[in-house]
Amino acid sequence: MSQLMMPNDANHLGSVHGGVILSIADKVAYVCACRHAQSICVTASVDRVSFESPVRIGQLVTFDATIRYVGNTSMEVGINIDAEDLITKIRTHTNTCYFTMVAIDSQGKPQTVPQLILETEEEKRNFEDARLRKELSLKYAKEKKKSDA
């Protein structure tokens, strides 16, 4: 998905507000997850967002989403975000983010999703990286719960 950044997307510094990027990324993650799950999906968490380079007004921002990992009812959607200057055609990587999405049924209950068919080495690497991120996230949540008690 691509979107042209307009003046109403600007923050007080004159670049695009990070919240605008996150809002679009959430919609992109939703579409990607729904297509894979063939079901309605909800955002369970935004696991990591990196802001590597500012996005400028007038740039065309492209969001490239892929399913990186599938559990039983959840999926990790990885999104690479690039900004293109339409005059110079220079394209810059600006953001990387990971969303955990959960498929739900008509009652709002989690439902199982199709497993990934990993064909390339890159897909296998992405899957393993995402599996490790999930493992670390669950470990952190468990430790946090202990320390809050």
N, C-alpha and C. Protein backbone atom coordinates (compact mmCIF):
# COMPACT_ATOMS: atom_id res chain seq x y z
N MET A 1 0.85 -1.17 0.00
CA MET A 1 0.00 0.00 0.00
C MET A 1 0.90 1.23 0.00
N SER A 2 0.51 2.23 -0.76
CA SER A 2 1.26 3.49 -0.80
C SER A 2 0.33 4.65 -0.49
N GLN A 3 0.88 5.66 0.17
CA GLN A 3 0.09 6.85 0.47
C GLN A 3 0.98 8.08 0.39
N LEU A 4 0.46 9.12 -0.23
CA LEU A 4 1.15 10.39 -0.34
C LEU A 4 1.00 11.15 0.97
N MET A 5 2.10 11.63 1.52
CA MET A 5 2.07 12.38 2.77
C MET A 5 1.77 13.85 2.49
N MET A 6 0.77 14.36 3.19
CA MET A 6 0.25 15.70 2.97
C MET A 6 0.53 16.60 4.18
N PRO A 7 0.36 17.92 4.03
CA PRO A 7 0.64 18.84 5.14
C PRO A 7 -0.11 18.51 6.43
N ASN A 8 -1.33 17.98 6.33
CA ASN A 8 -2.07 17.66 7.56
C ASN A 8 -1.47 16.45 8.30
N ASP A 9 -0.48 15.77 7.69
CA ASP A 9 0.21 14.65 8.33
C ASP A 9 1.44 15.10 9.12
N ALA A 10 1.76 16.40 9.07
CA ALA A 10 3.01 16.92 9.64
C ALA A 10 2.93 17.08 11.16
N ASN A 11 4.09 16.92 11.79
CA ASN A 11 4.23 17.26 13.20
C ASN A 11 4.80 18.68 13.30
N HIS A 12 5.12 19.11 14.50
CA HIS A 12 5.63 20.48 14.70
C HIS A 12 7.03 20.68 14.14
N LEU A 13 7.70 19.60 13.75
CA LEU A 13 9.04 19.71 13.17
C LEU A 13 9.01 19.76 11.64
N GLY A 14 7.82 19.57 11.07
CA GLY A 14 7.68 19.62 9.62
C GLY A 14 7.82 18.29 8.91
N SER A 15 8.09 17.24 9.67
CA SER A 15 8.10 15.90 9.07
C SER A 15 6.79 15.20 9.43
N VAL A 16 6.59 14.03 8.88
CA VAL A 16 5.33 13.32 9.14
C VAL A 16 5.32 12.79 10.57
N HIS A 17 4.21 12.99 11.24
CA HIS A 17 4.04 12.56 12.62
C HIS A 17 4.10 11.03 12.68
N GLY A 18 4.85 10.51 13.66
CA GLY A 18 4.97 9.06 13.81
C GLY A 18 3.64 8.36 13.98
N GLY A 19 2.69 9.03 14.61
CA GLY A 19 1.36 8.45 14.80
C GLY A 19 0.64 8.20 13.49
N VAL A 20 0.89 9.05 12.50
CA VAL A 20 0.29 8.85 11.18
C VAL A 20 0.84 7.57 10.56
N ILE A 21 2.14 7.38 10.66
CA ILE A 21 2.78 6.17 10.13
C ILE A 21 2.23 4.94 10.84
N LEU A 22 2.13 5.00 12.18
CA LEU A 22 1.62 3.86 12.95
C LEU A 22 0.17 3.54 12.61
N SER A 23 -0.64 4.56 12.43
CA SER A 23 -2.04 4.34 12.09
C SER A 23 -2.19 3.61 10.75
N ILE A 24 -1.43 4.06 9.77
CA ILE A 24 -1.49 3.39 8.45
C ILE A 24 -0.92 1.98 8.57
N ALA A 25 0.18 1.82 9.30
CA ALA A 25 0.79 0.49 9.46
C ALA A 25 -0.19 -0.48 10.12
N ASP A 26 -0.98 -0.01 11.07
CA ASP A 26 -1.97 -0.87 11.72
C ASP A 26 -3.01 -1.36 10.72
N LYS A 27 -3.44 -0.48 9.84
CA LYS A 27 -4.41 -0.87 8.81
C LYS A 27 -3.79 -1.87 7.83
N VAL A 28 -2.54 -1.64 7.47
CA VAL A 28 -1.84 -2.55 6.56
C VAL A 28 -1.69 -3.92 7.22
N ALA A 29 -1.33 -3.94 8.50
CA ALA A 29 -1.20 -5.22 9.23
C ALA A 29 -2.54 -5.94 9.26
N TYR A 30 -3.62 -5.18 9.46
CA TYR A 30 -4.97 -5.77 9.48
C TYR A 30 -5.29 -6.45 8.15
N VAL A 31 -5.06 -5.76 7.06
CA VAL A 31 -5.35 -6.32 5.73
C VAL A 31 -4.52 -7.57 5.48
N CYS A 32 -3.25 -7.51 5.79
CA CYS A 32 -2.35 -8.65 5.59
C CYS A 32 -2.82 -9.86 6.41
N ALA A 33 -3.14 -9.63 7.67
CA ALA A 33 -3.58 -10.72 8.55
C ALA A 33 -4.93 -11.29 8.10
N CYS A 34 -5.87 -10.42 7.74
CA CYS A 34 -7.18 -10.90 7.29
C CYS A 34 -7.07 -11.75 6.04
N ARG A 35 -6.22 -11.34 5.13
CA ARG A 35 -6.03 -12.12 3.90
C ARG A 35 -5.48 -13.51 4.22
N HIS A 36 -4.53 -13.57 5.13
CA HIS A 36 -3.96 -14.87 5.47
C HIS A 36 -4.96 -15.74 6.23
N ALA A 37 -5.60 -15.15 7.24
CA ALA A 37 -6.50 -15.90 8.11
C ALA A 37 -7.86 -16.18 7.47
N GLN A 38 -8.19 -15.41 6.45
CA GLN A 38 -9.52 -15.47 5.83
C GLN A 38 -10.58 -15.26 6.91
N SER A 39 -10.31 -14.27 7.74
CA SER A 39 -11.14 -13.99 8.90
C SER A 39 -10.89 -12.55 9.35
N ILE A 40 -11.79 -12.04 10.16
CA ILE A 40 -11.57 -10.75 10.80
C ILE A 40 -10.42 -10.92 11.79
N CYS A 41 -9.58 -9.91 11.90
CA CYS A 41 -8.45 -9.96 12.83
C CYS A 41 -8.43 -8.68 13.67
N VAL A 42 -7.82 -8.79 14.82
CA VAL A 42 -7.64 -7.62 15.69
C VAL A 42 -6.16 -7.49 16.04
N THR A 43 -5.76 -6.28 16.36
CA THR A 43 -4.39 -6.03 16.78
C THR A 43 -4.24 -6.42 18.24
N ALA A 44 -3.36 -7.37 18.52
CA ALA A 44 -3.09 -7.77 19.91
C ALA A 44 -1.97 -6.93 20.50
N SER A 45 -0.96 -6.63 19.68
CA SER A 45 0.14 -5.80 20.17
C SER A 45 0.95 -5.25 19.00
N VAL A 46 1.57 -4.13 19.29
CA VAL A 46 2.58 -3.58 18.39
C VAL A 46 3.89 -3.91 19.10
N ASP A 47 4.63 -4.84 18.51
CA ASP A 47 5.76 -5.42 19.22
C ASP A 47 7.05 -4.62 19.09
N ARG A 48 7.25 -3.99 17.98
CA ARG A 48 8.45 -3.18 17.81
C ARG A 48 8.24 -2.23 16.64
N VAL A 49 8.67 -1.00 16.83
CA VAL A 49 8.63 -0.02 15.75
C VAL A 49 9.96 0.71 15.77
N SER A 50 10.62 0.76 14.63
CA SER A 50 11.85 1.55 14.55
C SER A 50 11.60 2.71 13.60
N PHE A 51 12.03 3.89 14.03
CA PHE A 51 11.96 5.08 13.20
C PHE A 51 13.40 5.37 12.78
N GLU A 52 13.74 5.00 11.56
CA GLU A 52 15.12 5.05 11.11
C GLU A 52 15.46 6.32 10.33
N SER A 53 14.46 6.92 9.72
CA SER A 53 14.67 8.13 8.92
C SER A 53 13.35 8.88 8.85
N PRO A 54 13.36 10.21 8.94
CA PRO A 54 12.10 10.94 8.89
C PRO A 54 11.43 10.85 7.52
N VAL A 55 10.11 10.89 7.56
CA VAL A 55 9.31 10.95 6.33
C VAL A 55 8.93 12.41 6.13
N ARG A 56 9.10 12.90 4.92
CA ARG A 56 8.83 14.30 4.61
C ARG A 56 7.48 14.45 3.91
N ILE A 57 6.90 15.61 4.10
CA ILE A 57 5.66 15.95 3.39
C ILE A 57 5.95 15.91 1.89
N GLY A 58 5.02 15.33 1.13
CA GLY A 58 5.18 15.23 -0.31
C GLY A 58 5.81 13.92 -0.76
N GLN A 59 6.31 13.13 0.20
CA GLN A 59 6.87 11.83 -0.18
C GLN A 59 5.76 10.79 -0.29
N LEU A 60 6.00 9.81 -1.15
CA LEU A 60 5.09 8.67 -1.29
C LEU A 60 5.63 7.57 -0.39
N VAL A 61 4.81 7.17 0.58
CA VAL A 61 5.24 6.17 1.55
C VAL A 61 4.62 4.82 1.18
N THR A 62 5.46 3.80 1.10
CA THR A 62 5.01 2.46 0.73
C THR A 62 5.20 1.51 1.90
N PHE A 63 4.14 0.79 2.21
CA PHE A 63 4.11 -0.18 3.31
C PHE A 63 4.08 -1.58 2.70
N ASP A 64 5.10 -2.37 3.00
CA ASP A 64 5.20 -3.73 2.46
C ASP A 64 5.08 -4.71 3.63
N ALA A 65 3.95 -5.43 3.69
CA ALA A 65 3.66 -6.31 4.82
C ALA A 65 3.72 -7.78 4.43
N THR A 66 4.25 -8.58 5.35
CA THR A 66 4.27 -10.03 5.16
C THR A 66 3.98 -10.72 6.49
N ILE A 67 3.35 -11.88 6.41
CA ILE A 67 3.17 -12.72 7.59
C ILE A 67 4.52 -13.38 7.85
N ARG A 68 5.06 -13.16 9.04
CA ARG A 68 6.38 -13.70 9.37
C ARG A 68 6.28 -14.99 10.20
N TYR A 69 5.21 -15.07 11.00
CA TYR A 69 5.06 -16.19 11.92
C TYR A 69 3.58 -16.43 12.14
N VAL A 70 3.21 -17.70 12.29
CA VAL A 70 1.83 -18.06 12.62
C VAL A 70 1.87 -19.00 13.81
N GLY A 71 1.07 -18.67 14.83
CA GLY A 71 0.88 -19.58 15.95
C GLY A 71 -0.42 -20.34 15.73
N ASN A 72 -1.19 -20.50 16.78
CA ASN A 72 -2.48 -21.17 16.66
C ASN A 72 -3.56 -20.20 16.19
N THR A 73 -3.67 -19.06 16.88
CA THR A 73 -4.68 -18.06 16.52
C THR A 73 -4.05 -16.71 16.18
N SER A 74 -2.75 -16.59 16.39
CA SER A 74 -2.09 -15.30 16.18
C SER A 74 -1.08 -15.37 15.05
N MET A 75 -0.75 -14.19 14.54
CA MET A 75 0.22 -14.05 13.46
C MET A 75 1.09 -12.84 13.74
N GLU A 76 2.35 -12.91 13.36
CA GLU A 76 3.18 -11.72 13.37
C GLU A 76 3.22 -11.18 11.96
N VAL A 77 2.90 -9.90 11.83
CA VAL A 77 2.99 -9.21 10.54
C VAL A 77 4.18 -8.27 10.62
N GLY A 78 5.13 -8.45 9.71
CA GLY A 78 6.27 -7.55 9.61
C GLY A 78 6.01 -6.55 8.50
N ILE A 79 6.31 -5.29 8.77
CA ILE A 79 6.08 -4.24 7.78
C ILE A 79 7.36 -3.44 7.58
N ASN A 80 7.80 -3.37 6.33
CA ASN A 80 8.90 -2.49 5.95
C ASN A 80 8.29 -1.27 5.28
N ILE A 81 8.77 -0.10 5.68
CA ILE A 81 8.20 1.15 5.19
C ILE A 81 9.30 1.97 4.52
N ASP A 82 9.01 2.40 3.30
CA ASP A 82 9.94 3.22 2.52
C ASP A 82 9.25 4.51 2.10
N ALA A 83 10.02 5.58 1.99
CA ALA A 83 9.52 6.85 1.50
C ALA A 83 10.25 7.20 0.22
N GLU A 84 9.49 7.64 -0.77
CA GLU A 84 10.07 7.98 -2.08
C GLU A 84 9.84 9.45 -2.40
N ASP A 85 10.91 10.12 -2.77
CA ASP A 85 10.79 11.48 -3.30
C ASP A 85 10.33 11.34 -4.75
N LEU A 86 9.16 11.86 -5.05
CA LEU A 86 8.58 11.66 -6.38
C LEU A 86 9.32 12.41 -7.48
N ILE A 87 10.09 13.43 -7.12
CA ILE A 87 10.83 14.19 -8.12
C ILE A 87 12.16 13.51 -8.44
N THR A 88 12.91 13.19 -7.39
CA THR A 88 14.24 12.60 -7.60
C THR A 88 14.20 11.07 -7.75
N LYS A 89 13.08 10.47 -7.37
CA LYS A 89 12.89 9.01 -7.39
C LYS A 89 13.76 8.29 -6.34
N ILE A 90 14.36 9.05 -5.43
CA ILE A 90 15.17 8.43 -4.38
C ILE A 90 14.24 7.84 -3.33
N ARG A 91 14.50 6.56 -3.02
CA ARG A 91 13.67 5.82 -2.07
C ARG A 91 14.52 5.50 -0.84
N THR A 92 13.97 5.80 0.34
CA THR A 92 14.68 5.61 1.60
C THR A 92 13.87 4.72 2.52
N HIS A 93 14.54 3.75 3.14
CA HIS A 93 13.86 2.93 4.15
C HIS A 93 13.70 3.78 5.40
N THR A 94 12.47 3.87 5.92
CA THR A 94 12.20 4.76 7.05
C THR A 94 11.80 4.03 8.33
N ASN A 95 11.10 2.92 8.20
CA ASN A 95 10.58 2.25 9.39
C ASN A 95 10.51 0.74 9.18
N THR A 96 10.62 0.03 10.29
CA THR A 96 10.32 -1.39 10.35
C THR A 96 9.44 -1.59 11.57
N CYS A 97 8.39 -2.38 11.43
CA CYS A 97 7.54 -2.64 12.58
C CYS A 97 6.96 -4.04 12.53
N TYR A 98 6.59 -4.52 13.72
CA TYR A 98 6.02 -5.86 13.87
C TYR A 98 4.74 -5.76 14.69
N PHE A 99 3.68 -6.32 14.15
CA PHE A 99 2.38 -6.35 14.81
C PHE A 99 2.00 -7.80 15.09
N THR A 100 1.40 -8.06 16.24
CA THR A 100 0.79 -9.36 16.49
C THR A 100 -0.71 -9.18 16.29
N MET A 101 -1.24 -9.98 15.38
CA MET A 101 -2.66 -9.93 15.04
C MET A 101 -3.30 -11.26 15.43
N VAL A 102 -4.56 -11.21 15.88
CA VAL A 102 -5.28 -12.42 16.27
C VAL A 102 -6.54 -12.52 15.43
N ALA A 103 -6.77 -13.70 14.87
CA ALA A 103 -7.98 -13.96 14.09
C ALA A 103 -9.13 -14.24 15.06
N ILE A 104 -10.30 -13.68 14.76
CA ILE A 104 -11.47 -13.92 15.61
C ILE A 104 -12.66 -14.39 14.77
N ASP A 105 -13.56 -15.11 15.45
CA ASP A 105 -14.78 -15.56 14.77
C ASP A 105 -15.88 -14.51 14.95
N SER A 106 -17.08 -14.84 14.52
CA SER A 106 -18.19 -13.87 14.57
C SER A 106 -18.61 -13.54 16.00
N GLN A 107 -18.19 -14.34 16.96
CA GLN A 107 -18.49 -14.07 18.37
C GLN A 107 -17.36 -13.30 19.07
N GLY A 108 -16.32 -12.99 18.31
CA GLY A 108 -15.18 -12.28 18.88
C GLY A 108 -14.19 -13.18 19.60
N LYS A 109 -14.32 -14.48 19.41
CA LYS A 109 -13.42 -15.45 20.05
C LYS A 109 -12.27 -15.79 19.10
N PRO A 110 -11.06 -15.97 19.65
CA PRO A 110 -9.94 -16.35 18.78
C PRO A 110 -10.22 -17.64 18.02
N GLN A 111 -9.77 -17.66 16.78
CA GLN A 111 -9.94 -18.88 15.97
C GLN A 111 -8.62 -19.23 15.30
N THR A 112 -8.47 -20.49 14.97
CA THR A 112 -7.21 -20.95 14.38
C THR A 112 -7.01 -20.36 12.99
N VAL A 113 -5.74 -20.22 12.65
CA VAL A 113 -5.38 -19.66 11.34
C VAL A 113 -4.54 -20.67 10.58
N PRO A 114 -4.55 -20.58 9.25
CA PRO A 114 -3.74 -21.50 8.45
C PRO A 114 -2.25 -21.32 8.76
N GLN A 115 -1.53 -22.41 8.76
CA GLN A 115 -0.09 -22.35 8.96
C GLN A 115 0.58 -21.77 7.72
N LEU A 116 1.78 -21.28 7.90
CA LEU A 116 2.56 -20.76 6.78
C LEU A 116 3.22 -21.91 6.03
N ILE A 117 3.32 -21.74 4.75
CA ILE A 117 4.11 -22.66 3.93
C ILE A 117 5.42 -21.93 3.63
N LEU A 118 6.47 -22.36 4.29
CA LEU A 118 7.77 -21.69 4.17
C LEU A 118 8.54 -22.31 3.02
N GLU A 119 8.75 -21.52 1.98
CA GLU A 119 9.39 -22.04 0.77
C GLU A 119 10.83 -21.58 0.59
N THR A 120 11.10 -20.34 0.96
CA THR A 120 12.44 -19.79 0.72
C THR A 120 13.24 -19.74 2.03
N GLU A 121 14.54 -19.62 1.88
CA GLU A 121 15.40 -19.48 3.06
C GLU A 121 15.05 -18.21 3.83
N GLU A 122 14.72 -17.14 3.11
CA GLU A 122 14.33 -15.89 3.77
C GLU A 122 13.07 -16.08 4.60
N GLU A 123 12.07 -16.78 4.05
CA GLU A 123 10.84 -17.05 4.80
C GLU A 123 11.13 -17.87 6.05
N LYS A 124 12.00 -18.85 5.93
CA LYS A 124 12.37 -19.68 7.08
C LYS A 124 13.10 -18.86 8.14
N ARG A 125 13.99 -17.98 7.70
CA ARG A 125 14.73 -17.10 8.61
C ARG A 125 13.77 -16.13 9.31
N ASN A 126 12.86 -15.52 8.53
CA ASN A 126 11.88 -14.60 9.11
C ASN A 126 11.01 -15.30 10.15
N PHE A 127 10.59 -16.53 9.84
CA PHE A 127 9.76 -17.30 10.76
C PHE A 127 10.51 -17.56 12.06
N GLU A 128 11.75 -17.99 11.97
CA GLU A 128 12.54 -18.29 13.17
C GLU A 128 12.80 -17.02 13.98
N ASP A 129 13.11 -15.92 13.32
CA ASP A 129 13.30 -14.64 14.01
C ASP A 129 12.03 -14.24 14.76
N ALA A 130 10.89 -14.38 14.10
CA ALA A 130 9.61 -14.02 14.72
C ALA A 130 9.29 -14.95 15.89
N ARG A 131 9.58 -16.23 15.74
CA ARG A 131 9.35 -17.19 16.82
C ARG A 131 10.17 -16.80 18.05
N LEU A 132 11.41 -16.40 17.83
CA LEU A 132 12.26 -15.98 18.94
C LEU A 132 11.74 -14.70 19.58
N ARG A 133 11.26 -13.75 18.76
CA ARG A 133 10.68 -12.51 19.31
C ARG A 133 9.49 -12.84 20.20
N LYS A 134 8.64 -13.76 19.73
CA LYS A 134 7.47 -14.15 20.52
C LYS A 134 7.89 -14.80 21.82
N GLU A 135 8.86 -15.69 21.76
CA GLU A 135 9.36 -16.37 22.96
C GLU A 135 9.89 -15.35 23.98
N LEU A 136 10.68 -14.40 23.52
CA LEU A 136 11.22 -13.36 24.41
C LEU A 136 10.12 -12.49 24.99
N SER A 137 9.14 -12.16 24.17
CA SER A 137 8.02 -11.34 24.62
C SER A 137 7.22 -12.05 25.71
N LEU A 138 6.96 -13.33 25.52
CA LEU A 138 6.23 -14.10 26.53
C LEU A 138 7.03 -14.22 27.82
N LYS A 139 8.34 -14.42 27.69
CA LYS A 139 9.21 -14.50 28.86
C LYS A 139 9.21 -13.18 29.63
N TYR A 140 9.31 -12.07 28.90
CA TYR A 140 9.28 -10.75 29.53
C TYR A 140 7.96 -10.52 30.26
N ALA A 141 6.85 -10.86 29.61
CA ALA A 141 5.53 -10.67 30.23
C ALA A 141 5.41 -11.49 31.51
N LYS A 142 5.93 -12.70 31.50
CA LYS A 142 5.89 -13.56 32.68
C LYS A 142 6.72 -12.95 33.81
N GLU A 143 7.92 -12.48 33.50
CA GLU A 143 8.79 -11.85 34.51
C GLU A 143 8.17 -10.57 35.04
N LYS A 144 7.57 -9.80 34.17
CA LYS A 144 6.92 -8.54 34.57
C LYS A 144 5.78 -8.82 35.54
N LYS A 145 5.01 -9.85 35.23
CA LYS A 145 3.88 -10.22 36.08
C LYS A 145 4.38 -10.62 37.47
N LYS A 146 5.50 -11.35 37.54
CA LYS A 146 6.09 -11.74 38.82
C LYS A 146 6.52 -10.51 39.62
N SER A 147 7.18 -9.57 38.95
CA SER A 147 7.70 -8.39 39.65
C SER A 147 6.59 -7.44 40.08
N ASP A 148 5.46 -7.47 39.40
CA ASP A 148 4.33 -6.61 39.76
C ASP A 148 3.53 -7.18 40.93
N ALA A 149 3.72 -8.46 41.22
CA ALA A 149 2.94 -9.13 42.29
C ALA A 149 3.45 -8.77 43.66
